[in-house]
PDB file of N, CA and C in Angstrom:
ATOM      1  N   MET A   1       0.846  -1.150   0.000  1.00  0.00           N
ATOM      2  CA  MET A   1       0.000   0.000   0.000  1.00  0.00           C
ATOM      3  C   MET A   1       0.899   1.223   0.000  1.00  0.00           C
ATOM      4  N   THR A   2       0.503   2.218  -0.807  1.00  0.00           N
ATOM      5  CA  THR A   2       1.357   3.391  -0.921  1.00  0.00           C
ATOM      6  C   THR A   2       0.821   4.631  -0.221  1.00  0.00           C
ATOM      7  N   ASP A   3      -0.497   4.670   0.052  1.00  0.00           N
ATOM      8  CA  ASP A   3      -1.057   5.862   0.691  1.00  0.00           C
ATOM      9  C   ASP A   3      -2.363   5.527   1.403  1.00  0.00           C
ATOM     10  N   VAL A   4      -2.631   6.263   2.479  1.00  0.00           N
ATOM     11  CA  VAL A   4      -3.892   6.161   3.224  1.00  0.00           C
ATOM     12  C   VAL A   4      -4.358   7.589   3.450  1.00  0.00           C
ATOM     13  N   ASN A   5      -5.616   7.910   3.091  1.00  0.00           N
ATOM     14  CA  ASN A   5      -6.047   9.291   3.321  1.00  0.00           C
ATOM     15  C   ASN A   5      -6.307   9.512   4.810  1.00  0.00           C
ATOM     16  N   ARG A   6      -6.378  10.759   5.223  1.00  0.00           N
ATOM     17  CA  ARG A   6      -6.475  11.096   6.651  1.00  0.00           C
ATOM     18  C   ARG A   6      -7.673  10.482   7.359  1.00  0.00           C
ATOM     19  N   THR A   7      -8.796  10.385   6.666  1.00  0.00           N
ATOM     20  CA  THR A   7      -9.996   9.860   7.309  1.00  0.00           C
ATOM     21  C   THR A   7     -10.015   8.342   7.336  1.00  0.00           C
ATOM     22  N   GLY A   8      -9.087   7.712   6.604  1.00  0.00           N
ATOM     23  CA  GLY A   8      -9.059   6.257   6.556  1.00  0.00           C
ATOM     24  C   GLY A   8     -10.130   5.676   5.658  1.00  0.00           C
ATOM     25  N   SER A   9     -10.734   6.526   4.823  1.00  0.00           N
ATOM     26  CA  SER A   9     -11.817   6.042   3.972  1.00  0.00           C
ATOM     27  C   SER A   9     -11.344   5.589   2.604  1.00  0.00           C
ATOM     28  N   GLN A  10     -10.078   5.846   2.272  1.00  0.00           N
ATOM     29  CA  GLN A  10      -9.513   5.364   1.023  1.00  0.00           C
ATOM     30  C   GLN A  10      -8.058   4.991   1.213  1.00  0.00           C
ATOM     31  N   ILE A  11      -7.633   3.983   0.447  1.00  0.00           N
ATOM     32  CA  ILE A  11      -6.226   3.599   0.409  1.00  0.00           C
ATOM     33  C   ILE A  11      -5.791   3.543  -1.042  1.00  0.00           C
ATOM     34  N   VAL A  12      -4.495   3.646  -1.268  1.00  0.00           N
ATOM     35  CA  VAL A  12      -3.938   3.490  -2.604  1.00  0.00           C
ATOM     36  C   VAL A  12      -3.012   2.291  -2.549  1.00  0.00           C
ATOM     37  N   ILE A  13      -3.262   1.331  -3.454  1.00  0.00           N
ATOM     38  CA  ILE A  13      -2.432   0.128  -3.467  1.00  0.00           C
ATOM     39  C   ILE A  13      -1.301   0.280  -4.472  1.00  0.00           C
ATOM     40  N   GLU A  14      -0.430  -0.705  -4.496  1.00  0.00           N
ATOM     41  CA  GLU A  14       0.817  -0.640  -5.250  1.00  0.00           C
ATOM     42  C   GLU A  14       0.636  -0.242  -6.717  1.00  0.00           C
ATOM     43  N   ASP A  15      -0.414  -0.709  -7.371  1.00  0.00           N
ATOM     44  CA  ASP A  15      -0.599  -0.376  -8.788  1.00  0.00           C
ATOM     45  C   ASP A  15      -1.310   0.967  -8.985  1.00  0.00           C
ATOM     46  N   GLN A  16      -1.380   1.775  -7.917  1.00  0.00           N
ATOM     47  CA  GLN A  16      -1.952   3.118  -7.904  1.00  0.00           C
ATOM     48  C   GLN A  16      -3.477   3.148  -7.980  1.00  0.00           C
ATOM     49  N   ASP A  17      -4.128   2.003  -7.801  1.00  0.00           N
ATOM     50  CA  ASP A  17      -5.587   1.985  -7.710  1.00  0.00           C
ATOM     51  C   ASP A  17      -6.013   2.560  -6.377  1.00  0.00           C
ATOM     52  N   ARG A  18      -7.023   3.418  -6.390  1.00  0.00           N
ATOM     53  CA  ARG A  18      -7.589   3.998  -5.172  1.00  0.00           C
ATOM     54  C   ARG A  18      -8.795   3.155  -4.788  1.00  0.00           C
ATOM     55  N   ILE A  19      -8.796   2.647  -3.557  1.00  0.00           N
ATOM     56  CA  ILE A  19      -9.848   1.754  -3.091  1.00  0.00           C
ATOM     57  C   ILE A  19     -10.556   2.390  -1.903  1.00  0.00           C
ATOM     58  N   THR A  20     -11.887   2.398  -1.947  1.00  0.00           N
ATOM     59  CA  THR A  20     -12.700   2.964  -0.875  1.00  0.00           C
ATOM     60  C   THR A  20     -12.872   1.946   0.242  1.00  0.00           C
ATOM     61  N   VAL A  21     -12.727   2.403   1.477  1.00  0.00           N
ATOM     62  CA  VAL A  21     -12.937   1.557   2.650  1.00  0.00           C
ATOM     63  C   VAL A  21     -14.297   1.936   3.232  1.00  0.00           C
ATOM     64  N   SER A  22     -15.278   1.066   3.045  1.00  0.00           N
ATOM     65  CA  SER A  22     -16.622   1.373   3.541  1.00  0.00           C
ATOM     66  C   SER A  22     -16.685   1.191   5.059  1.00  0.00           C
ATOM     67  N   PRO A  23     -17.618   1.846   5.716  1.00  0.00           N
ATOM     68  CA  PRO A  23     -17.749   1.718   7.173  1.00  0.00           C
ATOM     69  C   PRO A  23     -18.058   0.282   7.614  1.00  0.00           C
ATOM     70  N   THR A  24     -18.599  -0.537   6.709  1.00  0.00           N
ATOM     71  CA  THR A  24     -18.937  -1.923   7.060  1.00  0.00           C
ATOM     72  C   THR A  24     -17.804  -2.907   6.770  1.00  0.00           C
ATOM     73  N   ALA A  25     -16.702  -2.421   6.188  1.00  0.00           N
ATOM     74  CA  ALA A  25     -15.564  -3.303   5.876  1.00  0.00           C
ATOM     75  C   ALA A  25     -14.914  -3.817   7.149  1.00  0.00           C
ATOM     76  N   GLN A  26     -14.356  -5.014   7.056  1.00  0.00           N
ATOM     77  CA  GLN A  26     -13.668  -5.625   8.194  1.00  0.00           C
ATOM     78  C   GLN A  26     -12.212  -5.164   8.181  1.00  0.00           C
ATOM     79  N   VAL A  27     -12.012  -3.914   8.601  1.00  0.00           N
ATOM     80  CA  VAL A  27     -10.689  -3.300   8.515  1.00  0.00           C
ATOM     81  C   VAL A  27     -10.376  -2.549   9.807  1.00  0.00           C
ATOM     82  N   ALA A  28      -9.208  -2.816  10.366  1.00  0.00           N
ATOM     83  CA  ALA A  28      -8.726  -2.061  11.530  1.00  0.00           C
ATOM     84  C   ALA A  28      -7.760  -1.009  10.996  1.00  0.00           C
ATOM     85  N   MET A  29      -8.294   0.142  10.588  1.00  0.00           N
ATOM     86  CA  MET A  29      -7.468   1.157   9.940  1.00  0.00           C
ATOM     87  C   MET A  29      -6.381   1.722  10.851  1.00  0.00           C
ATOM     88  N   VAL A  30      -6.517   1.568  12.151  1.00  0.00           N
ATOM     89  CA  VAL A  30      -5.498   2.062  13.074  1.00  0.00           C
ATOM     90  C   VAL A  30      -4.151   1.371  12.822  1.00  0.00           C
ATOM     91  N   ASP A  31      -4.175   0.143  12.302  1.00  0.00           N
ATOM     92  CA  ASP A  31      -2.946  -0.612  12.045  1.00  0.00           C
ATOM     93  C   ASP A  31      -2.390  -0.400  10.641  1.00  0.00           C
ATOM     94  N   VAL A  32      -3.094   0.340   9.803  1.00  0.00           N
ATOM     95  CA  VAL A  32      -2.720   0.463   8.396  1.00  0.00           C
ATOM     96  C   VAL A  32      -1.969   1.765   8.155  1.00  0.00           C
ATOM     97  N   ARG A  33      -0.744   1.620   7.609  1.00  0.00           N
ATOM     98  CA  ARG A  33       0.095   2.788   7.328  1.00  0.00           C
ATOM     99  C   ARG A  33       0.723   2.624   5.944  1.00  0.00           C
ATOM    100  N   PRO A  34       1.032   3.732   5.269  1.00  0.00           N
ATOM    101  CA  PRO A  34       1.712   3.638   3.978  1.00  0.00           C
ATOM    102  C   PRO A  34       3.000   2.826   4.102  1.00  0.00           C
ATOM    103  N   GLY A  35       3.301   2.022   3.095  1.00  0.00           N
ATOM    104  CA  GLY A  35       4.509   1.211   3.083  1.00  0.00           C
ATOM    105  C   GLY A  35       4.300  -0.189   3.620  1.00  0.00           C
ATOM    106  N   GLU A  36       3.139  -0.463   4.226  1.00  0.00           N
ATOM    107  CA  GLU A  36       2.877  -1.781   4.781  1.00  0.00           C
ATOM    108  C   GLU A  36       2.407  -2.735   3.686  1.00  0.00           C
ATOM    109  N   MET A  37       2.735  -3.990   3.853  1.00  0.00           N
ATOM    110  CA  MET A  37       2.243  -5.009   2.946  1.00  0.00           C
ATOM    111  C   MET A  37       0.916  -5.508   3.510  1.00  0.00           C
ATOM    112  N   VAL A  38      -0.122  -5.487   2.666  1.00  0.00           N
ATOM    113  CA  VAL A  38      -1.452  -5.871   3.122  1.00  0.00           C
ATOM    114  C   VAL A  38      -2.042  -6.937   2.197  1.00  0.00           C
ATOM    115  N   GLU A  39      -3.001  -7.645   2.726  1.00  0.00           N
ATOM    116  CA  GLU A  39      -3.809  -8.558   1.928  1.00  0.00           C
ATOM    117  C   GLU A  39      -5.194  -7.939   1.892  1.00  0.00           C
ATOM    118  N   ALA A  40      -5.665  -7.610   0.693  1.00  0.00           N
ATOM    119  CA  ALA A  40      -6.941  -6.922   0.558  1.00  0.00           C
ATOM    120  C   ALA A  40      -7.893  -7.715  -0.322  1.00  0.00           C
ATOM    121  N   ARG A  41      -9.144  -7.748   0.091  1.00  0.00           N
ATOM    122  CA  ARG A  41     -10.225  -8.293  -0.727  1.00  0.00           C
ATOM    123  C   ARG A  41     -11.153  -7.130  -1.019  1.00  0.00           C
ATOM    124  N   TYR A  42     -11.488  -6.948  -2.300  1.00  0.00           N
ATOM    125  CA  TYR A  42     -12.374  -5.841  -2.648  1.00  0.00           C
ATOM    126  C   TYR A  42     -13.244  -6.218  -3.843  1.00  0.00           C
ATOM    127  N   THR A  43     -14.325  -5.478  -3.987  1.00  0.00           N
ATOM    128  CA  THR A  43     -15.212  -5.651  -5.133  1.00  0.00           C
ATOM    129  C   THR A  43     -15.020  -4.456  -6.054  1.00  0.00           C
ATOM    130  N   GLN A  44     -15.395  -4.652  -7.311  1.00  0.00           N
ATOM    131  CA  GLN A  44     -15.308  -3.565  -8.264  1.00  0.00           C
ATOM    132  C   GLN A  44     -16.628  -3.454  -9.002  1.00  0.00           C
ATOM    133  N   ALA A  45     -17.193  -2.257  -9.001  1.00  0.00           N
ATOM    134  CA  ALA A  45     -18.417  -1.946  -9.742  1.00  0.00           C
ATOM    135  C   ALA A  45     -18.088  -0.757 -10.639  1.00  0.00           C
ATOM    136  N   GLY A  46     -17.913  -1.013 -11.925  1.00  0.00           N
ATOM    137  CA  GLY A  46     -17.461   0.040 -12.826  1.00  0.00           C
ATOM    138  C   GLY A  46     -16.047   0.426 -12.467  1.00  0.00           C
ATOM    139  N   GLU A  47     -15.830   1.700 -12.220  1.00  0.00           N
ATOM    140  CA  GLU A  47     -14.498   2.186 -11.842  1.00  0.00           C
ATOM    141  C   GLU A  47     -14.271   2.170 -10.330  1.00  0.00           C
ATOM    142  N   GLU A  48     -15.335   2.009  -9.545  1.00  0.00           N
ATOM    143  CA  GLU A  48     -15.211   2.086  -8.087  1.00  0.00           C
ATOM    144  C   GLU A  48     -14.853   0.736  -7.481  1.00  0.00           C
ATOM    145  N   LYS A  49     -13.819   0.755  -6.633  1.00  0.00           N
ATOM    146  CA  LYS A  49     -13.367  -0.436  -5.920  1.00  0.00           C
ATOM    147  C   LYS A  49     -13.629  -0.219  -4.436  1.00  0.00           C
ATOM    148  N   THR A  50     -14.243  -1.212  -3.791  1.00  0.00           N
ATOM    149  CA  THR A  50     -14.605  -1.092  -2.380  1.00  0.00           C
ATOM    150  C   THR A  50     -14.041  -2.268  -1.598  1.00  0.00           C
ATOM    151  N   VAL A  51     -13.339  -1.985  -0.494  1.00  0.00           N
ATOM    152  CA  VAL A  51     -12.720  -3.014   0.338  1.00  0.00           C
ATOM    153  C   VAL A  51     -13.781  -3.839   1.052  1.00  0.00           C
ATOM    154  N   LEU A  52     -13.602  -5.151   1.025  1.00  0.00           N
ATOM    155  CA  LEU A  52     -14.410  -6.062   1.834  1.00  0.00           C
ATOM    156  C   LEU A  52     -13.667  -6.381   3.124  1.00  0.00           C
ATOM    157  N   SER A  53     -12.373  -6.674   2.990  1.00  0.00           N
ATOM    158  CA  SER A  53     -11.538  -6.927   4.162  1.00  0.00           C
ATOM    159  C   SER A  53     -10.098  -6.596   3.811  1.00  0.00           C
ATOM    160  N   LEU A  54      -9.346  -6.239   4.829  1.00  0.00           N
ATOM    161  CA  LEU A  54      -7.955  -5.866   4.640  1.00  0.00           C
ATOM    162  C   LEU A  54      -7.207  -6.207   5.918  1.00  0.00           C
ATOM    163  N   ARG A  55      -6.044  -6.817   5.761  1.00  0.00           N
ATOM    164  CA  ARG A  55      -5.228  -7.090   6.944  1.00  0.00           C
ATOM    165  C   ARG A  55      -3.770  -6.869   6.613  1.00  0.00           C
ATOM    166  N   VAL A  56      -3.039  -6.357   7.584  1.00  0.00           N
ATOM    167  CA  VAL A  56      -1.614  -6.125   7.444  1.00  0.00           C
ATOM    168  C   VAL A  56      -0.905  -7.467   7.570  1.00  0.00           C
ATOM    169  N   ILE A  57      -0.045  -7.786   6.585  1.00  0.00           N
ATOM    170  CA  ILE A  57       0.689  -9.055   6.661  1.00  0.00           C
ATOM    171  C   ILE A  57       2.167  -8.835   6.938  1.00  0.00           C
ATOM    172  N   ALA A  58       2.652  -7.601   6.752  1.00  0.00           N
ATOM    173  CA  ALA A  58       4.052  -7.281   7.074  1.00  0.00           C
ATOM    174  C   ALA A  58       4.134  -5.812   7.436  1.00  0.00           C
ATOM    175  N   HIS A  59       4.602  -5.531   8.651  1.00  0.00           N
ATOM    176  CA  HIS A  59       4.792  -4.146   9.083  1.00  0.00           C
ATOM    177  C   HIS A  59       6.152  -3.674   8.614  1.00  0.00           C
ATOM    178  N   GLU A  60       6.211  -2.418   8.200  1.00  0.00           N
ATOM    179  CA  GLU A  60       7.490  -1.818   7.842  1.00  0.00           C
ATOM    180  C   GLU A  60       8.231  -1.541   9.137  1.00  0.00           C
ATOM    181  N   VAL A  61       9.462  -1.998   9.219  1.00  0.00           N
ATOM    182  CA  VAL A  61      10.263  -1.819  10.434  1.00  0.00           C
ATOM    183  C   VAL A  61      11.063  -0.540  10.305  1.00  0.00           C
ATOM    184  N   GLN A  62      10.991   0.311  11.333  1.00  0.00           N
ATOM    185  CA  GLN A  62      11.730   1.558  11.329  1.00  0.00           C
ATOM    186  C   GLN A  62      12.892   1.477  12.309  1.00  0.00           C
ATOM    187  N   ALA A  63      14.005   2.040  11.920  1.00  0.00           N
ATOM    188  CA  ALA A  63      15.178   2.039  12.798  1.00  0.00           C
ATOM    189  C   ALA A  63      14.921   2.939  13.999  1.00  0.00           C
ATOM    190  N   PRO A  64      15.468   2.579  15.164  1.00  0.00           N
ATOM    191  CA  PRO A  64      15.262   3.411  16.366  1.00  0.00           C
ATOM    192  C   PRO A  64      15.946   4.750  16.263  1.00  0.00           C
TER     193      PRO A  64
END
C-alpha cells in the first residue's frame, strides 16, 4: 500500500488503484500505514473499488 487518506476512507495500493474503505468493511485502519504489505479483498463496480476486508501481513520496520 502506498497511501492512506487522513480519514481512513480510502487507500492506494501498489498499482496506484484507489480503493474505498466502507464503514462496514472488516478493517482495523489504526494498524494500516503507507509502506505496509497488506492482503486486501475488494469488489469492483465500474471504476469504483470497495474493500471487503484488509489485513496487514508485514509491518514496515523503522530504525530506532
